[in-house]
Amino acid sequence: MNCNRVQEVGRHVGRPLYRQTGWIYGNETERNWTQVIYKRKERFYNPVRQNKTHIRALEQLLQECSDLNLQSIIVFNDRTTFKQVRTQTPVIHPRELLSMIRSYTVHAVSAENLTKARELINGANIVDKKIREQHAKRAGTRKAKGYGGNRS
């Protein structure tokens, strides 16, 4: 997970910006989504499933912070067109992000839990570049073999 936001109204979990361009096809349950640029098709791991894995990891890490409200938001760059994207999880462009966050029901988080959550996340963050690359490689290998993400 590369992008988190802890704030008084809850916790928003997302990847930093998906760099795919062109047309995007996918739904909540498919293992892979498809990107089409002209006639070239590329498959990539379902970002909704990937974020669900990240949220489960955060729930484990943040068990002590019971009043956090975790929300998943998937953000693609503005050069992406969602052709057939069917999800309950928001899949949006950057210009929609602020209004999406504001649309959630206010769920006050105590100052103590806000501080605790930030400390736990910062403490668990992989800062060593080599270890981060190894983690990303392992995650990619598991997904390629069918182990990553939501297995339902």
Protein backbone atom coordinates (compact mmCIF):
# COMPACT_ATOMS: atom_id res chain seq x y z
CA MET A 1 0.00 0.00 0.00
CA ASN A 2 1.50 3.28 -0.98
CA CYS A 3 -1.01 5.89 0.08
CA ASN A 4 -2.92 6.38 3.29
CA ARG A 5 -4.67 9.24 4.88
CA VAL A 6 -5.48 9.28 8.56
CA GLN A 7 -7.81 12.10 9.47
CA GLU A 8 -10.43 12.96 12.02
CA VAL A 9 -13.26 11.53 9.91
CA GLY A 10 -11.63 8.16 9.34
CA ARG A 11 -8.99 6.42 7.32
CA HIS A 12 -8.82 6.40 3.54
CA VAL A 13 -6.81 3.67 1.91
CA GLY A 14 -5.71 3.79 -1.68
CA ARG A 15 -2.89 3.37 -4.09
CA PRO A 16 -1.26 6.59 -5.18
CA LEU A 17 -2.44 7.04 -8.75
CA TYR A 18 -2.80 4.20 -11.15
CA ARG A 19 -0.73 5.20 -14.14
CA GLN A 20 -2.76 3.27 -16.68
CA THR A 21 -4.15 5.29 -19.56
CA GLY A 22 -6.66 4.36 -22.22
CA TRP A 23 -9.82 2.39 -21.62
CA ILE A 24 -10.26 0.33 -18.44
CA TYR A 25 -12.53 -2.70 -18.08
CA GLY A 26 -13.15 -4.65 -14.89
CA ASN A 27 -15.43 -5.46 -12.01
CA GLU A 28 -15.22 -6.09 -8.28
CA THR A 29 -14.70 -9.85 -8.47
CA GLU A 30 -12.55 -10.43 -11.57
CA ARG A 31 -8.97 -11.39 -10.80
CA ASN A 32 -7.57 -9.07 -13.47
CA TRP A 33 -8.72 -5.92 -15.21
CA THR A 34 -7.96 -4.92 -18.78
CA GLN A 35 -6.40 -1.76 -20.15
CA VAL A 36 -6.88 -1.04 -23.86
CA ILE A 37 -4.80 1.49 -25.76
CA TYR A 38 -5.77 1.44 -29.42
CA LYS A 39 -5.70 -2.28 -30.23
CA ARG A 40 -3.21 -3.30 -27.53
CA LYS A 41 -4.68 -5.02 -24.47
CA GLU A 42 -2.82 -5.36 -21.15
CA ARG A 43 -4.09 -7.14 -18.07
CA PHE A 44 -3.32 -5.94 -14.54
CA TYR A 45 -4.26 -7.15 -11.09
CA ASN A 46 -7.67 -5.98 -9.88
CA PRO A 47 -7.03 -2.82 -7.81
CA VAL A 48 -10.17 -3.39 -5.72
CA ARG A 49 -8.93 -6.81 -4.63
CA GLN A 50 -5.46 -5.40 -4.00
CA ASN A 51 -6.85 -2.65 -1.80
CA LYS A 52 -8.98 -5.16 0.15
CA THR A 53 -5.76 -6.98 1.00
CA HIS A 54 -4.25 -3.69 2.18
CA ILE A 55 -7.29 -2.92 4.31
CA ARG A 56 -7.13 -6.35 5.98
CA ALA A 57 -3.47 -5.67 6.80
CA LEU A 58 -4.37 -2.27 8.26
CA GLU A 59 -7.21 -3.75 10.31
CA GLN A 60 -4.71 -6.18 11.84
CA LEU A 61 -2.19 -3.42 12.51
CA LEU A 62 -4.75 -0.97 13.91
CA GLN A 63 -6.77 -3.30 16.16
CA GLU A 64 -6.16 -0.96 19.10
CA CYS A 65 -7.77 1.95 17.25
CA SER A 66 -11.36 0.76 17.36
CA ASP A 67 -13.00 3.98 16.16
CA LEU A 68 -11.26 4.14 12.78
CA ASN A 69 -13.54 3.86 9.76
CA LEU A 70 -11.54 2.37 6.87
CA GLN A 71 -12.61 3.35 3.34
CA SER A 72 -11.24 2.06 0.05
CA ILE A 73 -10.91 4.44 -2.90
CA ILE A 74 -9.21 3.57 -6.20
CA VAL A 75 -7.83 6.53 -8.17
CA PHE A 76 -6.71 6.39 -11.81
CA ASN A 77 -5.13 9.27 -13.68
CA ASP A 78 -7.24 11.66 -15.76
CA ARG A 79 -6.13 10.09 -19.05
CA THR A 80 -8.10 6.95 -18.18
CA THR A 81 -11.62 6.25 -19.44
CA PHE A 82 -13.72 3.79 -17.44
CA LYS A 83 -15.51 1.83 -20.15
CA GLN A 84 -16.99 -1.05 -18.19
CA VAL A 85 -15.93 -0.73 -14.57
CA ARG A 86 -18.55 -2.12 -12.20
CA THR A 87 -17.67 -1.94 -8.53
CA GLN A 88 -19.16 -0.93 -5.21
CA THR A 89 -15.75 0.47 -4.28
CA PRO A 90 -15.28 3.97 -5.70
CA VAL A 91 -13.06 3.98 -8.81
CA ILE A 92 -12.48 7.61 -9.69
CA HIS A 93 -10.21 10.28 -11.19
CA PRO A 94 -8.09 12.63 -9.01
CA ARG A 95 -10.42 15.57 -9.55
CA GLU A 96 -13.18 13.58 -7.79
CA LEU A 97 -11.14 12.55 -4.75
CA LEU A 98 -11.83 15.46 -2.41
CA SER A 99 -15.58 15.39 -2.97
CA MET A 100 -15.54 11.59 -2.54
CA ILE A 101 -13.80 11.87 0.83
CA ARG A 102 -16.20 14.62 1.89
CA SER A 103 -19.19 12.50 0.90
CA TYR A 104 -18.56 9.96 3.65
CA THR A 105 -20.58 10.28 6.82
CA VAL A 106 -18.58 12.06 9.46
CA HIS A 107 -17.20 9.53 11.88
CA ALA A 108 -15.21 11.27 14.59
CA VAL A 109 -11.94 9.62 15.56
CA SER A 110 -10.50 10.42 18.96
CA ALA A 111 -7.27 12.42 18.99
CA GLU A 112 -5.65 9.58 20.93
CA ASN A 113 -6.55 6.97 18.30
CA LEU A 114 -5.55 9.32 15.49
CA THR A 115 -2.08 9.70 16.99
CA LYS A 116 -1.84 5.98 17.76
CA ALA A 117 -2.83 5.03 14.19
CA ARG A 118 -0.22 7.35 12.70
CA GLU A 119 2.46 5.94 15.01
CA LEU A 120 1.55 2.32 14.20
CA ILE A 121 1.54 2.95 10.45
CA ASN A 122 4.79 4.88 10.51
CA GLY A 123 6.38 2.12 12.59
CA ALA A 124 5.25 -0.58 10.17
CA ASN A 125 6.28 1.31 7.04
CA ILE A 126 9.06 -0.34 5.03
CA VAL A 127 11.58 2.43 4.50
CA ASP A 128 14.51 0.38 3.23
CA LYS A 129 14.39 0.49 -0.58
CA LYS A 130 15.73 -3.05 -1.08
CA ILE A 131 13.27 -4.57 1.41
CA ARG A 132 10.40 -2.60 -0.20
CA GLU A 133 11.40 -3.94 -3.64
CA GLN A 134 11.60 -7.50 -2.28
CA HIS A 135 8.13 -7.10 -0.77
CA ALA A 136 6.71 -5.82 -4.07
CA LYS A 137 8.34 -8.68 -5.96
CA ARG A 138 6.98 -11.28 -3.51
CA ALA A 139 3.49 -9.77 -3.73
CA GLY A 140 3.66 -9.83 -7.54
CA THR A 141 4.79 -13.47 -7.52
CA ARG A 142 1.95 -14.49 -5.20
CA LYS A 143 -0.58 -12.74 -7.43
CA ALA A 144 0.83 -14.40 -10.54
CA LYS A 145 0.50 -17.79 -8.82
CA GLY A 146 -3.03 -17.05 -7.64
CA TYR A 147 -2.33 -16.27 -3.98
CA GLY A 148 -2.72 -12.50 -3.82
CA GLY A 149 -5.76 -10.44 -3.03
CA ASN A 150 -9.18 -11.64 -2.03
CA ARG A 151 -9.46 -15.36 -2.76
CA SER A 152 -13.23 -15.58 -2.78
